Amino acid sequence: MQTIYYNGDIVTMKCEEDTVEAVLTQDGSILAVGTMDEISGQAKEGVKRIDLQGRTMLPAFLDPHSHITMLAQNLMKADLTEAESFEDIVRILCDFRKKNNLVHGEYIQGFGYDQNRLKERTHPTKDILNRVSTDNPIFIFHVSCHMGVANSLALMQAGMDENTELPKELVGRLEGSQELSGYVAETGMMKIYMQLFKIPLDMKRLLKEAQDIYIKNGICTIQDGAAAKEQFDMLCQLAKGGLFQADIVAYLTEAEGLDEILLQYDNYSGKYCNNVKLGGRKLVLDGSPQGKTAWLSKPYTDGTNGNAWMQEADVTRFIKDAIDNGMQVLAHCNGDAASQQFLDSYKAAFDASENPGKRELRPVMIHSQTVRRDQLKEFDAFGMMPSFFVEHVYYWGDVHLQNLGRERADNISPTGWANELGLTYTFHQDTPVLPPDMMHTIQTAVERRSLMGEVLGEKHKISVYQALKAVTVNAAYQYHEETTKGSIEKGKNADFVILSANPLKTETEHISEIQIEATICRDKVLYHR
């Protein structure tokens, strides 16, 4: 079946000025692009015609980094993103318990609170959560996913008490005593996680709902950016049943047994099988800057430096194993100390590996929040890419001013430096930390304006076209899929997003208001507003 798309702004993303009058597709691929006369001349009799009615068509967006499995799990949690006080948290959790008929002993979970937006300006404690219930274990996740708070029963079930030997940055204690406050962070959350993993979930239904969220945001390629082997097993099994209509790219966190995993999943390694692909391996090297657990070379304004997650020798070993097996590495690095650890470890592993194709693996520094200019200069030696969590400028820019000071806050997500150095970079929302809203991300990258209206880093402002490239052309390159995705060209996938207006012709302060009218994956309309 052939289809012609016409009568709108069709932005190919081949270059900034490149627009065409019409596109002809067949069997999920782009057959031709050009003028209406050219396309009509190549079309078969009975071709389907889609009139864009003056709207804008772009290549579908690609999600450079997020966690679809975590988003699916979060659909079963109380939404705390709008909470402005401890009272709000208690009320939302109580309503959630009642609405879901949770009985004695069942776990209550919440997601998305941010102490920076609470009137108390601090994390709640176990005593606050005990007001919701002492008969139900309760755990609420911070919006960063790097910390949270448990009530007394959840702590007890996890075997955590005053004798728990972890530093204060990872396990909070009540003032003047060893008694736990309920706050846990980073590796301090692991015992809580082990309890949460035991909760049965209908993951088929939840992943379908999560996929739909991405698709409604114009995204046809979705990431599961930190998948344990069990999660990847689940994705593969569900994929066999035809669950996924968009493409899913997973990155494994497993540190051991890589040879066995690659043997077991040979059909998925570097290629799609039932819309699922094993893209590579994922490392987490530090925490969150808004929670002051990102690992910095120079301290926050309160004198702390955040935390490292791994020893450099272990990081190097993990990376070399990946390089030797021809696998891309993604590394979570928010602080510049974590960025340096990744660079040093990658260089050591790169130099030690004899893989002739190691320069083409395109490792990615995920978040790159406080990466320095001198560090970005080192990226090209390894073909490394930064994927910037540029939405930090809007959502937490004001917090970064307080925690990091003006100079470092101005250089959060330093796209200006990346442009000067000729680096290819992408943008992500780290969903479920933030919704996968590409239009808001594009506006933030262009305006660099915080929630309170503060402009952070004038020199890092970029054009609308450059921002669009970060979630289309560049994102396809990051995935080694530049020959099939990212632009509207002959031979590529018929993956399109139709917008209510052309972002290249829209006042920058109104870009986030542009609506996703339709999402089309391989010529199939998966969403229509």
Protein backbone atom coordinates (compact mmCIF):
# COMPACT_ATOMS: atom_id res chain seq x y z
CA MET A 1 0.00 0.00 0.00
CA GLN A 2 1.32 3.42 -0.97
CA THR A 3 0.62 6.69 0.84
CA ILE A 4 1.22 10.32 -0.14
CA TYR A 5 1.63 12.96 2.56
CA TYR A 6 1.11 16.49 1.24
CA ASN A 7 -0.20 20.04 1.80
CA GLY A 8 1.85 20.99 4.86
CA ASP A 9 5.31 21.99 6.03
CA ILE A 10 7.33 18.81 5.56
CA VAL A 11 10.66 19.37 7.32
CA THR A 12 13.09 16.64 6.27
CA MET A 13 15.86 17.53 8.79
CA LYS A 14 18.50 16.94 6.09
CA CYS A 15 19.42 20.58 6.56
CA GLU A 16 17.73 23.61 8.08
CA GLU A 17 16.17 24.93 4.87
CA ASP A 18 15.18 21.55 3.40
CA THR A 19 11.41 21.19 3.07
CA VAL A 20 9.49 19.23 0.46
CA GLU A 21 5.97 19.36 -0.88
CA ALA A 22 5.19 15.66 -0.60
CA VAL A 23 6.40 12.27 0.60
CA LEU A 24 5.54 8.88 -0.90
CA THR A 25 5.72 5.77 1.31
CA GLN A 26 5.27 2.06 0.74
CA ASP A 27 5.46 -0.96 3.06
CA GLY A 28 6.67 1.11 6.01
CA SER A 29 9.48 2.88 4.16
CA ILE A 30 9.92 6.20 2.37
CA LEU A 31 9.80 5.64 -1.39
CA ALA A 32 10.35 9.22 -2.55
CA VAL A 33 10.37 12.86 -1.47
CA GLY A 34 9.93 15.89 -3.70
CA THR A 35 7.40 18.14 -5.36
CA MET A 36 3.75 17.14 -5.57
CA ASP A 37 4.07 16.63 -9.31
CA GLU A 38 7.12 14.38 -8.87
CA ILE A 39 5.49 12.29 -6.19
CA SER A 40 2.17 11.99 -8.03
CA GLY A 41 4.05 10.79 -11.09
CA GLN A 42 5.63 7.93 -9.11
CA ALA A 43 2.52 6.87 -7.22
CA LYS A 44 0.44 3.86 -8.20
CA GLU A 45 -3.24 4.02 -8.96
CA GLY A 46 -5.33 3.94 -5.79
CA VAL A 47 -2.60 5.48 -3.61
CA LYS A 48 -3.81 6.64 -0.18
CA ARG A 49 -3.54 10.39 0.31
CA ILE A 50 -3.07 12.11 3.67
CA ASP A 51 -3.75 15.85 3.55
CA LEU A 52 -1.70 17.55 6.27
CA GLN A 53 -4.04 20.55 6.07
CA GLY A 54 -1.24 23.02 6.63
CA ARG A 55 0.24 21.22 9.61
CA THR A 56 3.92 20.31 9.98
CA MET A 57 5.44 16.86 9.47
CA LEU A 58 8.85 15.94 10.88
CA PRO A 59 10.70 12.66 11.26
CA ALA A 60 9.42 10.95 14.40
CA PHE A 61 11.31 11.72 17.58
CA LEU A 62 13.75 9.23 19.12
CA ASP A 63 14.10 9.05 22.90
CA PRO A 64 17.86 9.11 23.61
CA HIS A 65 17.54 8.08 27.26
CA SER A 66 14.74 7.00 29.55
CA HIS A 67 13.35 3.99 31.39
CA ILE A 68 10.16 2.58 29.90
CA THR A 69 10.03 -0.29 32.40
CA MET A 70 10.34 2.12 35.33
CA LEU A 71 7.64 4.34 33.83
CA ALA A 72 5.39 1.28 33.57
CA GLN A 73 6.00 0.43 37.22
CA ASN A 74 5.33 4.04 38.23
CA LEU A 75 1.85 3.85 36.76
CA MET A 76 1.00 1.80 39.86
CA LYS A 77 2.33 4.48 42.24
CA ALA A 78 0.66 7.53 43.74
CA ASP A 79 1.55 10.65 41.74
CA LEU A 80 3.30 13.12 44.04
CA THR A 81 4.55 15.51 41.36
CA GLU A 82 2.06 18.21 42.38
CA ALA A 83 2.68 17.90 46.14
CA GLU A 84 3.63 21.25 47.71
CA SER A 85 3.81 20.20 51.37
CA PHE A 86 3.98 17.23 53.72
CA GLU A 87 0.21 17.58 54.14
CA ASP A 88 -0.22 17.14 50.38
CA ILE A 89 1.91 13.99 50.42
CA VAL A 90 -0.16 12.50 53.26
CA ARG A 91 -3.45 13.41 51.55
CA ILE A 92 -2.42 12.01 48.15
CA LEU A 93 -1.19 8.74 49.68
CA CYS A 94 -4.34 8.34 51.77
CA ASP A 95 -6.53 8.94 48.71
CA PHE A 96 -4.41 6.46 46.72
CA ARG A 97 -4.78 3.81 49.44
CA LYS A 98 -8.55 4.26 49.52
CA LYS A 99 -9.02 4.40 45.74
CA ASN A 100 -7.01 1.20 45.22
CA ASN A 101 -8.60 -0.64 48.17
CA LEU A 102 -5.19 -1.46 49.65
CA VAL A 103 -5.61 -3.67 52.68
CA HIS A 104 -3.45 -4.36 55.74
CA GLY A 105 0.10 -5.35 54.72
CA GLU A 106 -0.07 -4.23 51.07
CA TYR A 107 2.70 -1.90 49.88
CA ILE A 108 1.91 1.77 49.20
CA GLN A 109 4.26 3.53 46.78
CA GLY A 110 4.48 7.11 45.58
CA PHE A 111 6.63 8.83 43.00
CA GLY A 112 7.70 12.33 42.10
CA TYR A 113 7.96 14.44 45.25
CA ASP A 114 10.64 17.13 45.19
CA GLN A 115 11.83 18.58 48.49
CA ASN A 116 12.87 21.72 46.64
CA ARG A 117 9.19 22.45 45.91
CA LEU A 118 7.76 21.55 49.30
CA LYS A 119 7.04 24.44 51.64
CA GLU A 120 9.10 22.62 54.30
CA ARG A 121 12.11 22.64 51.89
CA THR A 122 13.28 19.26 53.15
CA HIS A 123 12.49 15.58 52.74
CA PRO A 124 9.61 14.13 54.77
CA THR A 125 10.39 11.54 57.45
CA LYS A 126 9.08 8.11 58.37
CA ASP A 127 6.85 9.78 60.95
CA ILE A 128 5.10 11.75 58.21
CA LEU A 129 4.47 8.58 56.23
CA ASN A 130 3.37 6.74 59.38
CA ARG A 131 0.45 9.17 59.45
CA VAL A 132 -0.80 7.48 56.27
CA SER A 133 -0.47 3.98 57.74
CA THR A 134 1.56 1.92 60.16
CA ASP A 135 -0.06 -1.27 58.86
CA ASN A 136 1.18 -0.82 55.29
CA PRO A 137 4.82 -0.51 54.26
CA ILE A 138 5.25 2.79 52.40
CA PHE A 139 8.00 4.09 50.18
CA ILE A 140 7.95 7.30 48.15
CA PHE A 141 10.46 8.00 45.38
CA HIS A 142 12.04 11.40 44.89
CA VAL A 143 11.48 12.79 41.39
CA SER A 144 15.15 12.06 40.55
CA CYS A 145 14.69 8.32 41.35
CA HIS A 146 17.95 8.55 43.32
CA MET A 147 16.47 8.87 46.80
CA GLY A 148 13.26 8.49 48.75
CA VAL A 149 11.59 8.00 52.11
CA ALA A 150 10.27 4.86 53.84
CA ASN A 151 7.90 4.54 56.75
CA SER A 152 8.72 2.48 59.85
CA LEU A 153 7.23 -0.77 58.55
CA ALA A 154 9.05 -0.53 55.20
CA LEU A 155 12.36 0.01 57.01
CA MET A 156 11.70 -2.96 59.28
CA GLN A 157 10.81 -5.26 56.38
CA ALA A 158 14.04 -4.21 54.64
CA GLY A 159 16.03 -5.05 57.78
CA MET A 160 17.16 -1.47 58.28
CA ASP A 161 17.56 0.02 61.75
CA GLU A 162 19.94 2.09 63.87
CA ASN A 163 22.65 -0.56 63.35
CA THR A 164 22.62 -0.11 59.57
CA GLU A 165 26.17 0.86 58.63
CA LEU A 166 25.93 3.39 55.83
CA PRO A 167 27.14 7.01 55.69
CA LYS A 168 24.68 9.80 56.55
CA GLU A 169 24.51 10.87 52.90
CA LEU A 170 22.91 7.52 52.06
CA VAL A 171 20.77 6.88 55.14
CA GLY A 172 19.22 9.73 57.13
CA ARG A 173 19.10 9.73 60.93
CA LEU A 174 17.05 11.75 63.36
CA GLU A 175 18.91 14.66 64.89
CA GLY A 176 21.00 13.71 67.90
CA SER A 177 20.54 9.93 67.55
CA GLN A 178 21.26 6.87 65.42
CA GLU A 179 17.56 6.25 64.78
CA LEU A 180 16.74 6.20 61.06
CA SER A 181 14.68 9.11 59.75
CA GLY A 182 13.32 7.14 56.78
CA TYR A 183 15.39 8.97 54.15
CA VAL A 184 17.53 6.70 51.95
CA ALA A 185 19.58 7.53 48.86
CA GLU A 186 21.53 5.87 46.05
CA THR A 187 22.96 2.52 47.21
CA GLY A 188 21.20 3.07 50.55
CA MET A 189 17.92 2.29 48.75
CA MET A 190 18.98 -1.17 47.62
CA LYS A 191 17.36 -3.06 50.53
CA ILE A 192 14.12 -1.20 49.92
CA TYR A 193 14.32 -2.06 46.22
CA MET A 194 14.66 -5.73 47.05
CA GLN A 195 11.31 -5.57 48.83
CA LEU A 196 9.64 -3.68 45.99
CA PHE A 197 10.81 -6.22 43.41
CA LYS A 198 8.68 -8.85 45.18
CA ILE A 199 5.43 -7.00 44.40
CA PRO A 200 3.56 -8.71 41.50
CA LEU A 201 2.59 -6.39 38.64
CA ASP A 202 0.68 -6.81 35.39
CA MET A 203 3.65 -5.67 33.32
CA LYS A 204 2.03 -6.48 29.97
CA ARG A 205 -0.74 -3.97 30.64
CA LEU A 206 1.56 -1.43 32.26
CA LEU A 207 4.15 -1.53 29.47
CA LYS A 208 1.39 -1.08 26.88
CA GLU A 209 0.21 2.03 28.77
CA ALA A 210 3.80 3.30 29.09
CA GLN A 211 4.46 2.78 25.37
CA ASP A 212 1.32 4.78 24.57
CA ILE A 213 2.65 7.73 26.61
CA TYR A 214 5.78 7.89 24.44
CA ILE A 215 3.82 7.47 21.22
CA LYS A 216 1.45 10.31 22.17
CA ASN A 217 4.57 12.48 22.46
CA GLY A 218 5.66 11.73 18.88
CA ILE A 219 8.27 9.10 19.77
CA CYS A 220 8.79 5.90 17.75
CA THR A 221 12.08 4.75 19.36
CA ILE A 222 12.07 4.29 23.14
CA GLN A 223 14.85 3.40 25.56
CA ASP A 224 14.96 1.12 28.57
CA GLY A 225 18.11 2.73 29.89
CA ALA A 226 19.02 0.48 32.82
CA ALA A 227 17.60 -2.99 32.37
CA ALA A 228 18.50 -5.91 34.59
CA LYS A 229 18.62 -9.26 32.80
CA GLU A 230 15.21 -10.17 34.27
CA GLN A 231 13.71 -7.02 32.78
CA PHE A 232 15.23 -7.72 29.38
CA ASP A 233 13.90 -11.29 29.53
CA MET A 234 10.44 -9.86 30.17
CA LEU A 235 10.71 -7.38 27.27
CA CYS A 236 11.72 -10.16 24.89
CA GLN A 237 8.90 -12.44 26.01
CA LEU A 238 6.28 -9.71 25.70
CA ALA A 239 7.70 -8.69 22.33
CA LYS A 240 7.07 -12.19 20.98
CA GLY A 241 3.38 -11.59 21.60
CA GLY A 242 3.47 -8.42 19.50
CA LEU A 243 3.15 -5.97 22.40
CA PHE A 244 5.49 -3.31 21.01
CA GLN A 245 4.54 -1.11 18.06
CA ALA A 246 7.39 1.35 18.66
CA ASP A 247 11.03 0.22 18.82
CA ILE A 248 12.52 -0.51 22.26
CA VAL A 249 16.30 -0.29 22.82
CA ALA A 250 17.53 -1.78 26.10
CA TYR A 251 20.84 -1.29 27.91
CA LEU A 252 21.91 -3.95 30.40
CA THR A 253 23.21 -3.17 33.87
CA GLU A 254 24.58 -6.68 34.40
CA ALA A 255 28.24 -6.64 35.42
CA GLU A 256 28.85 -10.37 35.05
CA GLY A 257 28.05 -13.12 32.56
CA LEU A 258 28.14 -10.95 29.44
CA ASP A 259 29.28 -13.80 27.17
CA GLU A 260 26.31 -15.94 28.20
CA ILE A 261 23.89 -13.03 27.77
CA LEU A 262 25.16 -12.26 24.27
CA LEU A 263 24.91 -15.92 23.32
CA GLN A 264 21.37 -16.15 24.70
CA TYR A 265 20.22 -12.95 23.00
CA ASP A 266 22.12 -13.12 19.74
CA ASN A 267 18.92 -12.30 17.79
CA TYR A 268 18.57 -9.03 19.72
CA SER A 269 22.18 -7.87 19.94
CA GLY A 270 22.56 -4.74 17.83
CA LYS A 271 19.44 -5.54 15.79
CA TYR A 272 15.69 -5.57 16.29
CA CYS A 273 13.69 -8.71 16.92
CA ASN A 274 9.97 -8.11 17.40
CA ASN A 275 10.76 -4.39 17.86
CA VAL A 276 13.23 -4.99 20.73
CA LYS A 277 16.99 -4.47 20.47
CA LEU A 278 19.87 -4.92 22.91
CA GLY A 279 21.74 -1.63 22.47
CA GLY A 280 24.60 -2.11 24.92
CA ARG A 281 25.51 -1.74 28.60
CA LYS A 282 24.70 0.89 31.22
CA LEU A 283 26.75 2.21 34.15
CA VAL A 284 25.62 4.50 36.97
CA LEU A 285 28.56 6.48 38.36
CA ASP A 286 26.88 9.01 40.65
CA GLY A 287 23.61 10.56 41.77
CA SER A 288 21.48 13.63 41.28
CA PRO A 289 22.56 17.31 41.38
CA GLN A 290 19.21 18.59 42.67
CA GLY A 291 19.51 16.05 45.51
CA LYS A 292 23.21 16.93 45.99
CA THR A 293 24.33 13.33 45.42
CA ALA A 294 25.96 14.01 42.03
CA TRP A 295 29.72 13.59 42.44
CA LEU A 296 31.55 16.91 42.05
CA SER A 297 35.25 17.79 41.97
CA LYS A 298 34.47 21.03 43.84
CA PRO A 299 31.85 21.02 46.59
CA TYR A 300 28.29 22.23 46.59
CA THR A 301 27.66 25.49 48.42
CA ASP A 302 27.02 23.48 51.62
CA GLY A 303 30.53 21.93 51.49
CA THR A 304 29.53 18.40 50.38
CA ASN A 305 30.74 16.74 47.17
CA GLY A 306 28.23 13.99 46.48
CA ASN A 307 29.08 10.34 46.04
CA ALA A 308 30.86 7.96 43.66
CA TRP A 309 28.99 4.74 42.94
CA MET A 310 31.88 2.57 41.72
CA GLN A 311 35.64 2.15 41.98
CA GLU A 312 37.58 3.12 38.87
CA ALA A 313 39.08 -0.35 38.40
CA ASP A 314 35.58 -1.85 38.31
CA VAL A 315 34.40 0.80 35.86
CA THR A 316 37.36 0.12 33.55
CA ARG A 317 36.76 -3.64 33.68
CA PHE A 318 33.05 -3.19 32.86
CA ILE A 319 33.85 -0.91 29.91
CA LYS A 320 36.62 -3.08 28.48
CA ASP A 321 34.33 -6.11 28.57
CA ALA A 322 31.81 -4.11 26.55
CA ILE A 323 34.36 -2.74 24.05
CA ASP A 324 35.84 -6.20 23.51
CA ASN A 325 32.34 -7.44 22.65
CA GLY A 326 31.60 -4.49 20.37
CA MET A 327 28.99 -2.99 22.67
CA GLN A 328 28.04 0.64 23.21
CA VAL A 329 28.35 1.94 26.78
CA LEU A 330 26.02 4.46 28.40
CA ALA A 331 27.24 6.03 31.65
CA HIS A 332 25.15 8.12 34.03
CA CYS A 333 27.35 11.09 34.97
CA ASN A 334 25.78 14.17 36.56
CA GLY A 335 28.81 15.51 38.41
CA ASP A 336 32.10 16.46 36.79
CA ALA A 337 34.00 14.04 39.05
CA ALA A 338 31.86 11.20 37.70
CA SER A 339 32.45 12.52 34.17
CA GLN A 340 36.20 12.38 34.79
CA GLN A 341 35.98 8.84 36.12
CA PHE A 342 34.12 7.76 32.98
CA LEU A 343 36.63 9.48 30.70
CA ASP A 344 39.65 8.04 32.52
CA SER A 345 38.16 4.55 32.66
CA TYR A 346 37.05 4.62 29.05
CA LYS A 347 40.52 5.71 27.92
CA ALA A 348 42.14 2.90 29.91
CA ALA A 349 39.70 0.33 28.52
CA PHE A 350 39.93 1.77 24.99
CA ASP A 351 43.73 1.61 25.00
CA ALA A 352 43.73 -1.94 26.38
CA SER A 353 41.17 -3.34 23.93
CA GLU A 354 42.23 -4.83 20.60
CA ASN A 355 38.79 -4.46 19.04
CA PRO A 356 39.46 -2.86 15.62
CA GLY A 357 36.01 -1.24 15.56
CA LYS A 358 36.22 0.37 19.00
CA ARG A 359 36.25 3.92 17.59
CA GLU A 360 32.76 3.36 16.12
CA LEU A 361 30.97 2.25 19.29
CA ARG A 362 29.76 5.79 20.18
CA PRO A 363 29.78 5.68 23.99
CA VAL A 364 27.34 8.12 25.60
CA MET A 365 27.76 10.23 28.72
CA ILE A 366 24.20 10.37 30.01
CA HIS A 367 23.07 13.68 31.59
CA SER A 368 26.47 15.44 31.37
CA GLN A 369 25.05 18.08 33.71
CA THR A 370 28.24 19.65 35.05
CA VAL A 371 30.69 18.32 32.47
CA ARG A 372 33.48 20.85 31.94
CA ARG A 373 34.73 22.26 28.65
CA ASP A 374 38.15 20.65 29.12
CA GLN A 375 36.39 17.31 29.56
CA LEU A 376 34.25 17.75 26.44
CA LYS A 377 37.50 18.24 24.48
CA GLU A 378 38.37 14.60 25.26
CA PHE A 379 35.15 13.14 23.80
CA ASP A 380 36.21 13.03 20.16
CA ALA A 381 39.15 10.71 20.86
CA PHE A 382 36.66 7.90 21.59
CA GLY A 383 33.76 8.99 19.40
CA MET A 384 31.93 9.78 22.65
CA MET A 385 28.66 11.72 22.73
CA PRO A 386 27.00 13.74 25.50
CA SER A 387 23.26 13.28 25.98
CA PHE A 388 22.15 16.37 27.88
CA PHE A 389 19.28 16.43 30.38
CA VAL A 390 18.69 20.03 29.31
CA GLU A 391 15.30 20.21 31.05
CA HIS A 392 17.27 20.63 34.29
CA VAL A 393 17.66 24.27 33.27
CA TYR A 394 13.89 24.78 33.51
CA TYR A 395 12.84 22.46 36.33
CA TRP A 396 15.86 22.74 38.65
CA GLY A 397 17.84 25.70 37.36
CA ASP A 398 16.87 27.81 40.39
CA VAL A 399 17.93 24.98 42.72
CA HIS A 400 21.25 24.68 40.89
CA LEU A 401 21.88 28.39 41.44
CA GLN A 402 21.56 27.77 45.18
CA ASN A 403 23.50 24.50 45.26
CA LEU A 404 26.22 25.19 42.68
CA GLY A 405 26.55 28.97 42.46
CA ARG A 406 26.13 31.12 39.37
CA GLU A 407 29.10 29.95 37.28
CA ARG A 408 28.37 26.23 37.44
CA ALA A 409 24.59 26.74 37.19
CA ASP A 410 25.12 28.77 34.02
CA ASN A 411 27.08 25.86 32.55
CA ILE A 412 24.51 23.14 33.27
CA SER A 413 24.00 21.12 30.05
CA PRO A 414 26.66 23.12 28.16
CA THR A 415 25.37 22.84 24.59
CA GLY A 416 27.28 25.94 23.51
CA TRP A 417 30.59 24.28 24.30
CA ALA A 418 29.48 21.09 22.53
CA ASN A 419 28.67 23.13 19.40
CA GLU A 420 32.02 24.94 19.52
CA LEU A 421 33.82 21.59 19.72
CA GLY A 422 31.78 20.03 16.92
CA LEU A 423 30.29 17.29 19.10
CA THR A 424 27.14 15.42 18.19
CA TYR A 425 24.75 15.55 21.17
CA THR A 426 21.22 14.54 22.07
CA PHE A 427 18.53 15.60 24.58
CA HIS A 428 16.47 13.39 26.88
CA GLN A 429 13.95 13.65 29.71
CA ASP A 430 15.05 10.59 31.73
CA THR A 431 11.41 9.50 31.91
CA PRO A 432 9.87 8.82 34.42
CA VAL A 433 11.83 11.67 36.02
CA LEU A 434 10.04 13.97 33.55
CA PRO A 435 7.41 13.21 30.90
CA PRO A 436 8.83 12.54 27.40
CA ASP A 437 7.75 15.99 26.18
CA MET A 438 10.04 16.86 23.26
CA MET A 439 8.42 20.22 22.52
CA HIS A 440 9.09 21.52 26.03
CA THR A 441 12.65 20.20 25.85
CA ILE A 442 13.23 22.03 22.56
CA GLN A 443 11.94 25.30 24.04
CA THR A 444 14.13 24.90 27.13
CA ALA A 445 17.25 24.26 25.03
CA VAL A 446 16.55 27.37 22.97
CA GLU A 447 15.57 29.74 25.79
CA ARG A 448 17.61 28.39 28.76
CA ARG A 449 14.97 29.86 31.11
CA SER A 450 14.31 28.43 34.59
CA LEU A 451 10.98 27.90 36.30
CA MET A 452 11.40 31.27 38.03
CA GLY A 453 12.33 33.01 34.78
CA GLU A 454 16.11 33.10 35.29
CA VAL A 455 18.22 32.68 32.13
CA LEU A 456 21.06 30.22 32.74
CA GLY A 457 24.00 30.27 30.36
CA GLU A 458 23.25 32.71 27.56
CA LYS A 459 26.23 31.31 25.64
CA HIS A 460 24.66 27.85 25.65
CA LYS A 461 21.46 28.90 23.86
CA ILE A 462 21.00 27.09 20.55
CA SER A 463 18.71 27.43 17.54
CA VAL A 464 15.39 25.61 17.19
CA TYR A 465 16.83 23.58 14.33
CA GLN A 466 19.81 22.48 16.44
CA ALA A 467 17.43 21.44 19.21
CA LEU A 468 15.29 19.45 16.77
CA LYS A 469 18.40 17.69 15.48
CA ALA A 470 19.17 16.52 19.01
CA VAL A 471 15.99 14.42 19.11
CA THR A 472 15.91 13.32 15.48
CA VAL A 473 19.08 13.16 13.37
CA ASN A 474 21.53 13.04 16.28
CA ALA A 475 19.42 10.61 18.27
CA ALA A 476 19.34 8.22 15.31
CA TYR A 477 23.14 8.50 15.10
CA GLN A 478 23.46 7.72 18.81
CA TYR A 479 21.57 4.48 18.21
CA HIS A 480 23.64 3.59 15.11
CA GLU A 481 20.39 3.94 13.13
CA GLU A 482 21.20 6.98 11.00
CA THR A 483 20.58 5.01 7.79
CA THR A 484 16.97 4.19 8.76
CA LYS A 485 15.75 6.95 11.10
CA GLY A 486 16.09 10.60 12.05
CA SER A 487 15.27 12.35 8.76
CA ILE A 488 12.75 12.16 5.94
CA GLU A 489 14.77 10.63 3.08
CA LYS A 490 14.29 7.93 0.50
CA GLY A 491 14.87 4.46 1.96
CA LYS A 492 14.37 5.41 5.60
CA ASN A 493 11.54 4.27 7.86
CA ALA A 494 8.21 6.00 7.38
CA ASP A 495 8.33 7.27 10.98
CA PHE A 496 6.70 10.69 11.25
CA VAL A 497 5.30 13.11 13.80
CA ILE A 498 2.66 15.61 12.71
CA LEU A 499 2.61 18.87 14.66
CA SER A 500 -0.04 21.58 14.98
CA ALA A 501 2.54 24.23 14.01
CA ASN A 502 6.06 24.47 12.62
CA PRO A 503 8.53 24.98 15.50
CA LEU A 504 10.94 26.68 13.08
CA LYS A 505 8.31 29.37 12.45
CA THR A 506 6.96 29.65 16.00
CA GLU A 507 7.85 32.27 18.62
CA THR A 508 10.26 30.46 20.91
CA GLU A 509 8.19 31.10 24.05
CA HIS A 510 5.26 29.25 22.42
CA ILE A 511 7.08 26.15 21.13
CA SER A 512 5.99 24.04 24.12
CA GLU A 513 2.36 24.81 23.20
CA ILE A 514 2.68 22.99 19.87
CA GLN A 515 0.48 19.89 19.90
CA ILE A 516 1.36 16.40 18.70
CA GLU A 517 -1.40 15.78 16.15
CA ALA A 518 -0.33 12.29 15.08
CA THR A 519 2.46 9.75 15.46
CA ILE A 520 3.16 7.40 12.58
CA CYS A 521 5.54 4.44 12.93
CA ARG A 522 6.46 2.60 9.73
CA ASP A 523 3.46 4.19 8.03
CA LYS A 524 1.00 3.04 10.70
CA VAL A 525 -0.90 5.75 12.57
CA LEU A 526 -0.41 4.80 16.22
CA TYR A 527 -1.77 8.03 17.66
CA HIS A 528 -4.15 10.68 16.39
CA ARG A 529 -5.23 13.57 18.59
